[in-house]
N, C-alpha and C. Protein backbone atom coordinates (compact mmCIF):
# COMPACT_ATOMS: atom_id res chain seq x y z
N MET A 1 22.55 -134.77 35.36
CA MET A 1 22.66 -133.73 36.37
C MET A 1 21.29 -133.09 36.58
N VAL A 2 20.92 -132.93 37.82
CA VAL A 2 19.64 -132.32 38.16
C VAL A 2 19.82 -130.80 38.12
N GLN A 3 18.95 -130.17 37.36
CA GLN A 3 19.03 -128.73 37.26
C GLN A 3 17.86 -128.12 38.01
N LYS A 4 18.16 -127.31 39.02
CA LYS A 4 17.13 -126.68 39.82
C LYS A 4 16.92 -125.26 39.32
N ARG A 5 15.69 -124.82 39.37
CA ARG A 5 15.34 -123.48 38.92
C ARG A 5 15.25 -122.58 40.13
N PHE A 6 15.86 -121.42 40.01
CA PHE A 6 15.88 -120.43 41.08
C PHE A 6 15.27 -119.13 40.60
N TYR A 7 14.67 -118.38 41.54
CA TYR A 7 14.22 -117.03 41.26
C TYR A 7 15.30 -116.05 41.71
N THR A 8 15.46 -114.97 40.98
CA THR A 8 16.38 -113.90 41.36
C THR A 8 15.60 -112.85 42.15
N VAL A 9 16.31 -111.85 42.64
CA VAL A 9 15.66 -110.78 43.40
C VAL A 9 14.65 -110.05 42.52
N GLN A 10 15.01 -109.80 41.27
CA GLN A 10 14.11 -109.10 40.37
C GLN A 10 12.83 -109.92 40.13
N GLU A 11 12.97 -111.22 39.96
CA GLU A 11 11.80 -112.07 39.74
C GLU A 11 10.91 -112.14 40.98
N ILE A 12 11.52 -112.23 42.15
CA ILE A 12 10.74 -112.24 43.40
C ILE A 12 9.99 -110.92 43.56
N ALA A 13 10.65 -109.81 43.23
CA ALA A 13 10.00 -108.51 43.32
C ALA A 13 8.79 -108.45 42.40
N THR A 14 8.92 -108.99 41.21
CA THR A 14 7.80 -109.00 40.26
C THR A 14 6.67 -109.90 40.76
N ILE A 15 7.01 -111.07 41.26
CA ILE A 15 6.00 -112.02 41.75
C ILE A 15 5.22 -111.44 42.92
N LEU A 16 5.93 -110.81 43.85
CA LEU A 16 5.28 -110.28 45.06
C LEU A 16 4.73 -108.88 44.87
N GLY A 17 5.00 -108.25 43.72
CA GLY A 17 4.48 -106.91 43.47
C GLY A 17 5.16 -105.85 44.30
N LYS A 18 6.44 -106.02 44.55
CA LYS A 18 7.21 -105.07 45.35
C LYS A 18 8.41 -104.62 44.54
N SER A 19 9.08 -103.59 45.01
CA SER A 19 10.30 -103.14 44.34
C SER A 19 11.48 -103.96 44.85
N VAL A 20 12.57 -103.92 44.11
CA VAL A 20 13.78 -104.63 44.51
C VAL A 20 14.29 -104.06 45.83
N ALA A 21 14.21 -102.74 45.98
CA ALA A 21 14.64 -102.11 47.23
C ALA A 21 13.79 -102.58 48.41
N ALA A 22 12.51 -102.76 48.19
CA ALA A 22 11.64 -103.25 49.27
C ALA A 22 12.02 -104.68 49.66
N ILE A 23 12.34 -105.51 48.67
CA ILE A 23 12.78 -106.88 48.96
C ILE A 23 14.04 -106.86 49.79
N HIS A 24 15.01 -106.04 49.39
CA HIS A 24 16.25 -105.95 50.15
C HIS A 24 16.00 -105.41 51.56
N GLY A 25 15.08 -104.47 51.70
CA GLY A 25 14.75 -103.93 53.02
C GLY A 25 14.14 -104.99 53.93
N HIS A 26 13.22 -105.80 53.39
CA HIS A 26 12.62 -106.88 54.18
C HIS A 26 13.68 -107.89 54.60
N LEU A 27 14.60 -108.19 53.69
CA LEU A 27 15.65 -109.16 54.02
C LEU A 27 16.61 -108.61 55.06
N ALA A 28 16.92 -107.31 54.98
CA ALA A 28 17.83 -106.70 55.96
C ALA A 28 17.20 -106.71 57.35
N ARG A 29 15.88 -106.53 57.42
CA ARG A 29 15.18 -106.54 58.71
C ARG A 29 14.71 -107.94 59.10
N LYS A 30 15.03 -108.92 58.25
CA LYS A 30 14.66 -110.32 58.48
C LYS A 30 13.16 -110.47 58.68
N GLN A 31 12.39 -109.80 57.84
CA GLN A 31 10.93 -109.89 57.87
C GLN A 31 10.51 -111.00 56.91
N PHE A 32 10.63 -112.23 57.36
CA PHE A 32 10.35 -113.35 56.49
C PHE A 32 8.86 -113.66 56.37
N ASP A 33 8.03 -112.86 57.02
CA ASP A 33 6.60 -112.99 56.76
C ASP A 33 6.22 -112.20 55.50
N ALA A 34 7.08 -111.26 55.08
CA ALA A 34 6.83 -110.47 53.88
C ALA A 34 7.54 -111.02 52.66
N VAL A 35 8.64 -111.70 52.89
CA VAL A 35 9.47 -112.26 51.81
C VAL A 35 9.97 -113.62 52.27
N PRO A 36 9.92 -114.64 51.40
CA PRO A 36 10.46 -115.93 51.83
C PRO A 36 11.97 -115.86 52.05
N PRO A 37 12.51 -116.65 52.97
CA PRO A 37 13.94 -116.62 53.22
C PRO A 37 14.73 -117.12 52.00
N PRO A 38 15.77 -116.40 51.62
CA PRO A 38 16.54 -116.80 50.44
C PRO A 38 17.68 -117.74 50.79
N MET A 39 18.34 -118.22 49.76
CA MET A 39 19.59 -118.96 49.92
C MET A 39 20.66 -118.21 49.14
N ARG A 40 21.89 -118.41 49.54
CA ARG A 40 23.00 -117.74 48.87
C ARG A 40 23.59 -118.66 47.81
N LEU A 41 23.79 -118.10 46.64
CA LEU A 41 24.54 -118.76 45.57
C LEU A 41 25.72 -117.86 45.27
N GLY A 42 26.81 -118.11 45.96
CA GLY A 42 27.95 -117.20 45.86
C GLY A 42 27.59 -115.91 46.57
N ARG A 43 27.60 -114.81 45.82
CA ARG A 43 27.23 -113.53 46.39
C ARG A 43 25.78 -113.17 46.09
N ARG A 44 25.12 -114.00 45.33
CA ARG A 44 23.75 -113.70 44.92
C ARG A 44 22.73 -114.34 45.86
N LEU A 45 21.57 -113.72 45.90
CA LEU A 45 20.44 -114.29 46.62
C LEU A 45 19.58 -115.04 45.62
N ALA A 46 19.08 -116.18 46.03
CA ALA A 46 18.23 -116.98 45.14
C ALA A 46 17.16 -117.67 45.98
N TRP A 47 16.06 -117.99 45.30
CA TRP A 47 14.94 -118.69 45.93
C TRP A 47 14.57 -119.86 45.04
N LEU A 48 14.40 -121.03 45.64
CA LEU A 48 13.92 -122.18 44.89
C LEU A 48 12.47 -121.93 44.45
N VAL A 49 12.17 -122.28 43.22
CA VAL A 49 10.83 -122.06 42.69
C VAL A 49 9.80 -122.82 43.51
N GLU A 50 10.07 -124.06 43.85
CA GLU A 50 9.13 -124.87 44.62
C GLU A 50 8.88 -124.27 46.00
N TYR A 51 9.95 -123.78 46.62
CA TYR A 51 9.82 -123.21 47.96
C TYR A 51 8.97 -121.94 47.93
N VAL A 52 9.20 -121.09 46.94
CA VAL A 52 8.43 -119.84 46.83
C VAL A 52 6.96 -120.16 46.58
N ASP A 53 6.70 -121.12 45.71
CA ASP A 53 5.31 -121.51 45.43
C ASP A 53 4.62 -122.03 46.69
N SER A 54 5.32 -122.87 47.46
CA SER A 54 4.71 -123.40 48.68
C SER A 54 4.53 -122.29 49.73
N TRP A 55 5.46 -121.33 49.78
CA TRP A 55 5.35 -120.20 50.72
C TRP A 55 4.13 -119.35 50.39
N ILE A 56 3.93 -119.09 49.10
CA ILE A 56 2.77 -118.30 48.68
C ILE A 56 1.48 -119.05 48.98
N GLU A 57 1.46 -120.35 48.72
CA GLU A 57 0.27 -121.16 49.02
C GLU A 57 -0.04 -121.13 50.52
N ALA A 58 1.00 -121.23 51.35
CA ALA A 58 0.79 -121.20 52.81
C ALA A 58 0.22 -119.85 53.24
N LYS A 59 0.73 -118.76 52.66
CA LYS A 59 0.22 -117.42 52.99
C LYS A 59 -1.24 -117.30 52.56
N ALA A 60 -1.57 -117.83 51.38
CA ALA A 60 -2.95 -117.75 50.89
C ALA A 60 -3.88 -118.57 51.78
N ASP A 61 -3.45 -119.77 52.18
CA ASP A 61 -4.27 -120.61 53.05
C ASP A 61 -4.51 -119.94 54.40
N LYS A 62 -3.47 -119.30 54.93
CA LYS A 62 -3.60 -118.61 56.21
C LYS A 62 -4.58 -117.44 56.09
N ALA A 63 -4.51 -116.70 54.98
CA ALA A 63 -5.42 -115.57 54.77
C ALA A 63 -6.87 -116.05 54.65
N VAL A 64 -7.08 -117.15 53.95
CA VAL A 64 -8.43 -117.70 53.80
C VAL A 64 -8.96 -118.14 55.16
N ALA A 65 -8.13 -118.81 55.96
CA ALA A 65 -8.56 -119.26 57.28
C ALA A 65 -8.91 -118.08 58.18
N GLN A 66 -8.11 -117.01 58.12
CA GLN A 66 -8.40 -115.82 58.92
C GLN A 66 -9.69 -115.16 58.47
N ALA A 67 -9.93 -115.10 57.17
CA ALA A 67 -11.15 -114.49 56.66
C ALA A 67 -12.37 -115.31 57.07
N GLU A 68 -12.27 -116.62 57.00
CA GLU A 68 -13.39 -117.47 57.40
C GLU A 68 -13.67 -117.32 58.89
N ALA A 69 -12.61 -117.25 59.69
CA ALA A 69 -12.81 -117.09 61.13
C ALA A 69 -13.44 -115.73 61.44
N TYR A 70 -13.03 -114.72 60.71
CA TYR A 70 -13.57 -113.37 60.94
C TYR A 70 -15.04 -113.30 60.58
N PHE A 71 -15.41 -113.85 59.42
CA PHE A 71 -16.78 -113.74 58.96
C PHE A 71 -17.70 -114.76 59.63
N SER A 72 -17.15 -115.84 60.16
CA SER A 72 -18.01 -116.82 60.82
C SER A 72 -18.43 -116.35 62.21
N SER A 73 -17.63 -115.54 62.84
CA SER A 73 -18.00 -115.03 64.16
C SER A 73 -18.89 -113.81 63.95
N ALA A 74 -20.18 -114.02 64.06
CA ALA A 74 -21.15 -112.95 63.82
C ALA A 74 -21.28 -112.11 65.08
N GLN A 75 -20.29 -111.28 65.32
CA GLN A 75 -20.32 -110.42 66.48
C GLN A 75 -20.88 -109.06 66.08
N ALA A 76 -21.44 -108.40 67.06
CA ALA A 76 -21.93 -107.05 66.81
C ALA A 76 -20.74 -106.14 66.55
N PRO A 77 -20.91 -105.16 65.71
CA PRO A 77 -19.78 -104.26 65.46
C PRO A 77 -19.38 -103.53 66.73
N ARG A 78 -18.12 -103.21 66.81
CA ARG A 78 -17.62 -102.51 67.98
C ARG A 78 -18.25 -101.14 68.10
N LYS A 79 -18.48 -100.74 69.33
CA LYS A 79 -19.03 -99.42 69.57
C LYS A 79 -17.92 -98.40 69.38
N ARG A 80 -18.22 -97.39 68.61
CA ARG A 80 -17.22 -96.35 68.36
C ARG A 80 -17.04 -95.49 69.59
N ARG A 81 -15.83 -94.99 69.74
CA ARG A 81 -15.56 -94.12 70.87
C ARG A 81 -15.92 -92.69 70.50
N GLY A 82 -16.22 -91.90 71.50
CA GLY A 82 -16.49 -90.48 71.27
C GLY A 82 -17.95 -90.19 71.06
N ARG A 83 -18.21 -88.98 70.67
CA ARG A 83 -19.58 -88.51 70.48
C ARG A 83 -20.17 -89.13 69.22
N PRO A 84 -21.41 -89.61 69.28
CA PRO A 84 -22.00 -90.21 68.09
C PRO A 84 -22.30 -89.16 67.03
N THR A 85 -22.27 -89.58 65.78
CA THR A 85 -22.62 -88.68 64.69
C THR A 85 -24.13 -88.46 64.71
N LYS A 86 -24.59 -87.46 63.94
CA LYS A 86 -26.03 -87.20 63.90
C LYS A 86 -26.78 -88.40 63.35
N ALA A 87 -26.21 -89.05 62.34
CA ALA A 87 -26.88 -90.22 61.76
C ALA A 87 -27.00 -91.33 62.79
N GLU A 88 -25.96 -91.55 63.57
CA GLU A 88 -26.02 -92.59 64.61
C GLU A 88 -27.03 -92.23 65.69
N ALA A 89 -27.10 -90.95 66.08
CA ALA A 89 -28.06 -90.52 67.10
C ALA A 89 -29.49 -90.68 66.60
N ARG A 90 -29.74 -90.33 65.34
CA ARG A 90 -31.08 -90.50 64.77
C ARG A 90 -31.46 -91.97 64.70
N ARG A 91 -30.51 -92.81 64.28
CA ARG A 91 -30.77 -94.24 64.18
C ARG A 91 -31.11 -94.81 65.55
N ARG A 92 -30.35 -94.43 66.57
CA ARG A 92 -30.60 -94.92 67.92
C ARG A 92 -31.96 -94.43 68.42
N GLU A 93 -32.29 -93.17 68.14
CA GLU A 93 -33.57 -92.62 68.57
C GLU A 93 -34.73 -93.34 67.87
N ARG A 94 -34.57 -93.60 66.59
CA ARG A 94 -35.62 -94.30 65.83
C ARG A 94 -35.82 -95.71 66.36
N LEU A 95 -34.71 -96.40 66.70
CA LEU A 95 -34.83 -97.75 67.24
C LEU A 95 -35.53 -97.76 68.60
N THR A 96 -35.23 -96.80 69.44
CA THR A 96 -35.90 -96.76 70.75
C THR A 96 -37.37 -96.43 70.60
N VAL A 97 -37.71 -95.57 69.65
CA VAL A 97 -39.12 -95.24 69.41
C VAL A 97 -39.86 -96.48 68.91
N GLU A 98 -39.22 -97.23 68.02
CA GLU A 98 -39.86 -98.44 67.51
C GLU A 98 -40.06 -99.47 68.61
N ARG A 99 -39.13 -99.58 69.51
CA ARG A 99 -39.26 -100.54 70.60
C ARG A 99 -40.33 -100.14 71.60
N LEU A 100 -40.35 -98.87 71.94
CA LEU A 100 -41.26 -98.39 72.98
C LEU A 100 -42.57 -97.87 72.44
N GLY A 101 -42.67 -97.68 71.18
CA GLY A 101 -43.86 -97.07 70.59
C GLY A 101 -43.60 -95.61 70.34
N SER A 102 -44.53 -94.92 69.76
CA SER A 102 -44.32 -93.51 69.45
C SER A 102 -44.29 -92.70 70.75
N PRO A 103 -43.53 -91.61 70.79
CA PRO A 103 -43.43 -90.82 72.02
C PRO A 103 -44.76 -90.18 72.41
N GLU A 104 -45.62 -89.84 71.44
CA GLU A 104 -46.91 -89.24 71.77
C GLU A 104 -47.78 -90.24 72.52
N ASN A 105 -47.76 -91.49 72.10
CA ASN A 105 -48.58 -92.52 72.74
C ASN A 105 -48.14 -92.77 74.17
N SER A 106 -46.82 -92.78 74.39
CA SER A 106 -46.34 -93.05 75.75
C SER A 106 -46.66 -91.89 76.68
N GLN A 107 -46.67 -90.64 76.18
CA GLN A 107 -47.00 -89.49 77.03
C GLN A 107 -48.49 -89.48 77.35
N ASN A 108 -49.33 -89.84 76.38
CA ASN A 108 -50.77 -89.84 76.62
C ASN A 108 -51.16 -90.94 77.59
N LYS A 109 -50.49 -92.04 77.58
CA LYS A 109 -50.83 -93.13 78.50
C LYS A 109 -50.52 -92.76 79.94
N SER A 110 -49.47 -91.95 80.14
CA SER A 110 -49.09 -91.62 81.49
C SER A 110 -50.06 -90.60 82.11
N LEU A 111 -50.79 -89.87 81.32
CA LEU A 111 -51.74 -88.87 81.85
C LEU A 111 -52.99 -89.46 82.28
């Protein structure tokens, strides 16, 4: 007889680092991106060990792919909305002075 190993709700909660109530909440809302879909054994919920392991591996692979895509696209940081902080204003002023030269030199040249 083939004996399959199953995880219980308590074991899944420990593996995923969540409480049992959180696991039940995810299942009630059918949020299967947070918890793998279970199977019923009578009145109990159970998860095949192999299925949970493959689900976790898939989540890890997806996270690695997203991180690589994020860090590979060397885009400039988004411009913040609203009034710039003093540090940002000073940095911008310093960069413009470096590009154009010192303000005293530019005023003397125009005279």
